Amino acid sequence: MARLAQIGRDEAAEYRGESTQPVASHAALLGVYLALLAVATLLTRAAGRELAEEVSVKDLVTMALGTHKISRAITKESVASPLRAPFTHHNGQGGPAEVMDEPRGEGGMRHAVGELVTCPFCLDVWIVSAFGLGLVVAPRLTRLVAGSFSALAGADFLQLAYARAQQEA
């Protein structure tokens, strides 16, 4: 086991090169993600829940829009900054009603979590996994949450379009 751990450290060091990329912390976060997914899957199976034969296009679109909005809210909205604060520092304004936070530290778990909570693309995987599990465990609630955030994403685009139309008028 010690030999395998050393091989992992050597590979991480070679991958990382001169950067401070927290490869070991990313591996740990990936492990947490996979462990949570495995436990949730086992509990779902133990409860007798079965996967649907297929996911509807409506559910896919709703989940995509909802995932987009939730990840943007967590990673970019000013009011969500208390969730990010232990892992990030404020780095100015971003897009409309958004801030730009950056991960704290030079590597390590704090930095890795900071990367996760400032990257909407990274957080998307966690959120869409929760939605997928939710469709099995609590489909009505999942559709309500995904639908609500999908509507919010649509409202955001309408706000931006309205502001753009005002500027052009």
C-alpha atoms as a PDB file:
ATOM      1  CA  MET A   1       0.000   0.000   0.000  1.00  0.00           C
ATOM      2  CA  ALA A   2       2.874   2.369   0.833  1.00  0.00           C
ATOM      3  CA  ARG A   3       4.380   1.641  -2.593  1.00  0.00           C
ATOM      4  CA  LEU A   4       1.090   2.503  -4.300  1.00  0.00           C
ATOM      5  CA  ALA A   5       0.842   5.765  -2.326  1.00  0.00           C
ATOM      6  CA  GLN A   6       4.394   6.660  -3.352  1.00  0.00           C
ATOM      7  CA  ILE A   7       3.592   5.987  -7.007  1.00  0.00           C
ATOM      8  CA  GLY A   8       0.588   8.306  -6.667  1.00  0.00           C
ATOM      9  CA  ARG A   9       2.721  11.051  -5.109  1.00  0.00           C
ATOM     10  CA  ASP A  10       5.355  10.679  -7.821  1.00  0.00           C
ATOM     11  CA  GLU A  11       2.769  10.877 -10.610  1.00  0.00           C
ATOM     12  CA  ALA A  12       1.130  13.920  -8.995  1.00  0.00           C
ATOM     13  CA  ALA A  13       4.503  15.674  -8.689  1.00  0.00           C
ATOM     14  CA  GLU A  14       5.339  14.972 -12.321  1.00  0.00           C
ATOM     15  CA  TYR A  15       1.909  16.164 -13.467  1.00  0.00           C
ATOM     16  CA  ARG A  16       2.057  19.277 -11.315  1.00  0.00           C
ATOM     17  CA  GLY A  17       5.559  20.335 -12.328  1.00  0.00           C
ATOM     18  CA  GLU A  18       6.302  23.811 -10.984  1.00  0.00           C
ATOM     19  CA  SER A  19       2.647  24.699 -10.335  1.00  0.00           C
ATOM     20  CA  THR A  20       0.893  24.532  -6.979  1.00  0.00           C
ATOM     21  CA  GLN A  21      -1.925  22.411  -8.393  1.00  0.00           C
ATOM     22  CA  PRO A  22      -3.338  20.479  -5.387  1.00  0.00           C
ATOM     23  CA  VAL A  23      -3.502  17.078  -7.102  1.00  0.00           C
ATOM     24  CA  ALA A  24      -3.772  15.102  -3.845  1.00  0.00           C
ATOM     25  CA  SER A  25      -6.578  17.347  -2.592  1.00  0.00           C
ATOM     26  CA  HIS A  26      -8.373  17.031  -5.931  1.00  0.00           C
ATOM     27  CA  ALA A  27      -8.055  13.251  -5.611  1.00  0.00           C
ATOM     28  CA  ALA A  28      -9.532  13.459  -2.111  1.00  0.00           C
ATOM     29  CA  LEU A  29     -12.456  15.591  -3.341  1.00  0.00           C
ATOM     30  CA  LEU A  30     -13.031  13.133  -6.161  1.00  0.00           C
ATOM     31  CA  GLY A  31     -13.012  10.356  -3.566  1.00  0.00           C
ATOM     32  CA  VAL A  32     -15.607  12.226  -1.482  1.00  0.00           C
ATOM     33  CA  TYR A  33     -17.785  12.722  -4.567  1.00  0.00           C
ATOM     34  CA  LEU A  34     -17.561   9.040  -5.536  1.00  0.00           C
ATOM     35  CA  ALA A  35     -18.149   7.878  -1.955  1.00  0.00           C
ATOM     36  CA  LEU A  36     -21.238  10.076  -1.610  1.00  0.00           C
ATOM     37  CA  LEU A  37     -22.540   8.820  -4.935  1.00  0.00           C
ATOM     38  CA  ALA A  38     -21.897   5.186  -3.943  1.00  0.00           C
ATOM     39  CA  VAL A  39     -23.595   5.557  -0.538  1.00  0.00           C
ATOM     40  CA  ALA A  40     -26.567   7.351  -2.089  1.00  0.00           C
ATOM     41  CA  THR A  41     -26.860   4.642  -4.747  1.00  0.00           C
ATOM     42  CA  LEU A  42     -26.692   1.840  -2.154  1.00  0.00           C
ATOM     43  CA  LEU A  43     -29.284   3.526   0.073  1.00  0.00           C
ATOM     44  CA  THR A  44     -31.537   4.072  -2.927  1.00  0.00           C
ATOM     45  CA  ARG A  45     -31.260   0.410  -3.936  1.00  0.00           C
ATOM     46  CA  ALA A  46     -31.836  -0.708  -0.318  1.00  0.00           C
ATOM     47  CA  ALA A  47     -35.017   1.376  -0.267  1.00  0.00           C
ATOM     48  CA  GLY A  48     -36.225  -0.508  -3.334  1.00  0.00           C
ATOM     49  CA  ARG A  49     -36.019   2.432  -5.721  1.00  0.00           C
ATOM     50  CA  GLU A  50     -35.405   1.549  -9.341  1.00  0.00           C
ATOM     51  CA  LEU A  51     -33.979   3.640 -12.135  1.00  0.00           C
ATOM     52  CA  ALA A  52     -36.399   4.819 -14.773  1.00  0.00           C
ATOM     53  CA  GLU A  53     -36.054   3.195 -18.173  1.00  0.00           C
ATOM     54  CA  GLU A  54     -35.194   6.594 -19.630  1.00  0.00           C
ATOM     55  CA  VAL A  55     -35.039  10.239 -18.676  1.00  0.00           C
ATOM     56  CA  SER A  56     -37.417  12.496 -20.565  1.00  0.00           C
ATOM     57  CA  VAL A  57     -36.170  15.346 -22.710  1.00  0.00           C
ATOM     58  CA  LYS A  58     -38.185  17.688 -20.492  1.00  0.00           C
ATOM     59  CA  ASP A  59     -36.345  16.430 -17.392  1.00  0.00           C
ATOM     60  CA  LEU A  60     -32.975  16.738 -19.147  1.00  0.00           C
ATOM     61  CA  VAL A  61     -33.643  20.326 -20.204  1.00  0.00           C
ATOM     62  CA  THR A  62     -35.006  21.266 -16.782  1.00  0.00           C
ATOM     63  CA  MET A  63     -32.036  19.650 -15.039  1.00  0.00           C
ATOM     64  CA  ALA A  64     -29.576  21.381 -17.389  1.00  0.00           C
ATOM     65  CA  LEU A  65     -31.073  24.815 -16.806  1.00  0.00           C
ATOM     66  CA  GLY A  66     -31.492  24.220 -13.070  1.00  0.00           C
ATOM     67  CA  THR A  67     -27.927  22.950 -12.750  1.00  0.00           C
ATOM     68  CA  HIS A  68     -26.644  25.989 -14.627  1.00  0.00           C
ATOM     69  CA  LYS A  69     -28.484  28.418 -12.352  1.00  0.00           C
ATOM     70  CA  ILE A  70     -27.645  26.696  -9.053  1.00  0.00           C
ATOM     71  CA  SER A  71     -23.958  26.449  -9.948  1.00  0.00           C
ATOM     72  CA  ARG A  72     -23.849  30.124 -10.970  1.00  0.00           C
ATOM     73  CA  ALA A  73     -25.655  31.098  -7.756  1.00  0.00           C
ATOM     74  CA  ILE A  74     -23.239  29.184  -5.536  1.00  0.00           C
ATOM     75  CA  THR A  75     -20.050  30.127  -7.383  1.00  0.00           C
ATOM     76  CA  LYS A  76     -20.735  33.710  -8.434  1.00  0.00           C
ATOM     77  CA  GLU A  77     -23.566  35.436  -6.516  1.00  0.00           C
ATOM     78  CA  SER A  78     -22.576  37.966  -3.880  1.00  0.00           C
ATOM     79  CA  VAL A  79     -25.173  36.706  -1.406  1.00  0.00           C
ATOM     80  CA  ALA A  80     -23.584  33.226  -1.533  1.00  0.00           C
ATOM     81  CA  SER A  81     -20.161  34.626  -0.594  1.00  0.00           C
ATOM     82  CA  PRO A  82     -20.483  33.454   3.049  1.00  0.00           C
ATOM     83  CA  LEU A  83     -20.548  29.870   1.721  1.00  0.00           C
ATOM     84  CA  ARG A  84     -17.357  30.464  -0.278  1.00  0.00           C
ATOM     85  CA  ALA A  85     -15.554  32.717   2.232  1.00  0.00           C
ATOM     86  CA  PRO A  86     -13.673  29.992   4.151  1.00  0.00           C
ATOM     87  CA  PHE A  87     -12.145  28.783   0.887  1.00  0.00           C
ATOM     88  CA  THR A  88     -11.844  31.936  -1.240  1.00  0.00           C
ATOM     89  CA  HIS A  89     -11.047  35.606  -1.226  1.00  0.00           C
ATOM     90  CA  HIS A  90     -12.954  38.354  -3.005  1.00  0.00           C
ATOM     91  CA  ASN A  91     -11.322  39.542  -6.215  1.00  0.00           C
ATOM     92  CA  GLY A  92     -13.753  42.149  -7.517  1.00  0.00           C
ATOM     93  CA  GLN A  93     -16.916  42.320  -9.549  1.00  0.00           C
ATOM     94  CA  GLY A  94     -17.773  39.800 -12.241  1.00  0.00           C
ATOM     95  CA  GLY A  95     -20.696  39.818 -14.635  1.00  0.00           C
ATOM     96  CA  PRO A  96     -24.022  41.458 -13.812  1.00  0.00           C
ATOM     97  CA  ALA A  97     -24.863  40.747 -10.143  1.00  0.00           C
ATOM     98  CA  GLU A  98     -21.797  38.496  -9.856  1.00  0.00           C
ATOM     99  CA  VAL A  99     -18.473  38.603  -8.045  1.00  0.00           C
ATOM    100  CA  MET A 100     -15.136  37.051  -8.873  1.00  0.00           C
ATOM    101  CA  ASP A 101     -13.718  35.055  -5.986  1.00  0.00           C
ATOM    102  CA  GLU A 102     -10.427  33.168  -6.125  1.00  0.00           C
ATOM    103  CA  PRO A 103      -9.344  30.079  -4.188  1.00  0.00           C
ATOM    104  CA  ARG A 104      -7.292  30.718  -1.061  1.00  0.00           C
ATOM    105  CA  GLY A 105      -3.894  29.241  -0.440  1.00  0.00           C
ATOM    106  CA  GLU A 106      -1.197  27.610  -2.498  1.00  0.00           C
ATOM    107  CA  GLY A 107      -2.512  24.110  -2.920  1.00  0.00           C
ATOM    108  CA  GLY A 108      -4.020  21.854  -0.288  1.00  0.00           C
ATOM    109  CA  MET A 109      -7.622  21.028   0.507  1.00  0.00           C
ATOM    110  CA  ARG A 110      -8.682  24.620   1.198  1.00  0.00           C
ATOM    111  CA  HIS A 111      -7.485  25.619  -2.276  1.00  0.00           C
ATOM    112  CA  ALA A 112      -9.106  22.581  -3.925  1.00  0.00           C
ATOM    113  CA  VAL A 113     -12.488  23.295  -2.307  1.00  0.00           C
ATOM    114  CA  GLY A 114     -12.002  26.957  -3.269  1.00  0.00           C
ATOM    115  CA  GLU A 115     -11.592  25.875  -6.877  1.00  0.00           C
ATOM    116  CA  LEU A 116     -14.770  23.786  -6.651  1.00  0.00           C
ATOM    117  CA  VAL A 117     -16.894  26.597  -5.188  1.00  0.00           C
ATOM    118  CA  THR A 118     -15.633  29.223  -7.647  1.00  0.00           C
ATOM    119  CA  CYS A 119     -15.963  27.134 -10.810  1.00  0.00           C
ATOM    120  CA  PRO A 120     -19.528  26.704 -12.097  1.00  0.00           C
ATOM    121  CA  PHE A 121     -18.357  24.035 -14.543  1.00  0.00           C
ATOM    122  CA  CYS A 122     -16.754  22.020 -11.729  1.00  0.00           C
ATOM    123  CA  LEU A 123     -19.768  22.328  -9.443  1.00  0.00           C
ATOM    124  CA  ASP A 124     -22.144  21.311 -12.266  1.00  0.00           C
ATOM    125  CA  VAL A 125     -21.074  17.662 -11.890  1.00  0.00           C
ATOM    126  CA  TRP A 126     -22.042  17.576  -8.219  1.00  0.00           C
ATOM    127  CA  ILE A 127     -25.370  19.334  -8.798  1.00  0.00           C
ATOM    128  CA  VAL A 128     -26.489  17.304 -11.796  1.00  0.00           C
ATOM    129  CA  SER A 129     -25.601  14.131  -9.879  1.00  0.00           C
ATOM    130  CA  ALA A 130     -27.886  15.262  -7.061  1.00  0.00           C
ATOM    131  CA  PHE A 131     -30.648  15.957  -9.585  1.00  0.00           C
ATOM    132  CA  GLY A 132     -30.182  12.526 -11.163  1.00  0.00           C
ATOM    133  CA  LEU A 133     -30.404  10.848  -7.779  1.00  0.00           C
ATOM    134  CA  GLY A 134     -33.335  13.073  -6.905  1.00  0.00           C
ATOM    135  CA  LEU A 135     -35.278  11.843  -9.930  1.00  0.00           C
ATOM    136  CA  VAL A 136     -35.044   8.340  -8.445  1.00  0.00           C
ATOM    137  CA  VAL A 137     -35.620   9.178  -4.771  1.00  0.00           C
ATOM    138  CA  ALA A 138     -37.975  12.176  -4.866  1.00  0.00           C
ATOM    139  CA  PRO A 139     -38.948  12.942  -8.474  1.00  0.00           C
ATOM    140  CA  ARG A 140     -41.680  15.472  -7.678  1.00  0.00           C
ATOM    141  CA  LEU A 141     -39.479  17.528  -5.360  1.00  0.00           C
ATOM    142  CA  THR A 142     -36.558  17.276  -7.769  1.00  0.00           C
ATOM    143  CA  ARG A 143     -38.686  18.508 -10.656  1.00  0.00           C
ATOM    144  CA  LEU A 144     -39.972  21.381  -8.501  1.00  0.00           C
ATOM    145  CA  VAL A 145     -36.452  22.480  -7.512  1.00  0.00           C
ATOM    146  CA  ALA A 146     -34.993  22.008 -11.000  1.00  0.00           C
ATOM    147  CA  GLY A 147     -38.001  23.726 -12.553  1.00  0.00           C
ATOM    148  CA  SER A 148     -37.808  26.655 -10.151  1.00  0.00           C
ATOM    149  CA  PHE A 149     -34.136  27.234 -10.855  1.00  0.00           C
ATOM    150  CA  SER A 150     -34.757  26.756 -14.584  1.00  0.00           C
ATOM    151  CA  ALA A 151     -37.359  29.504 -14.437  1.00  0.00           C
ATOM    152  CA  LEU A 152     -34.879  31.664 -12.553  1.00  0.00           C
ATOM    153  CA  ALA A 153     -32.254  31.054 -15.248  1.00  0.00           C
ATOM    154  CA  GLY A 154     -34.814  32.126 -17.852  1.00  0.00           C
ATOM    155  CA  ALA A 155     -35.646  35.219 -15.813  1.00  0.00           C
ATOM    156  CA  ASP A 156     -31.948  36.101 -15.640  1.00  0.00           C
ATOM    157  CA  PHE A 157     -31.665  35.961 -19.423  1.00  0.00           C
ATOM    158  CA  LEU A 158     -34.785  38.108 -19.756  1.00  0.00           C
ATOM    159  CA  GLN A 159     -33.302  40.677 -17.336  1.00  0.00           C
ATOM    160  CA  LEU A 160     -30.127  40.801 -19.394  1.00  0.00           C
ATOM    161  CA  ALA A 161     -32.075  41.106 -22.654  1.00  0.00           C
ATOM    162  CA  TYR A 162     -34.212  43.870 -21.175  1.00  0.00           C
ATOM    163  CA  ALA A 163     -31.138  45.780 -19.961  1.00  0.00           C
ATOM    164  CA  ARG A 164     -29.554  45.373 -23.401  1.00  0.00           C
ATOM    165  CA  ALA A 165     -32.737  46.660 -25.106  1.00  0.00           C
ATOM    166  CA  GLN A 166     -32.725  49.689 -22.793  1.00  0.00           C
ATOM    167  CA  GLN A 167     -29.124  50.468 -23.663  1.00  0.00           C
ATOM    168  CA  GLU A 168     -29.858  50.280 -27.388  1.00  0.00           C
ATOM    169  CA  ALA A 169     -33.005  52.444 -27.138  1.00  0.00           C
END
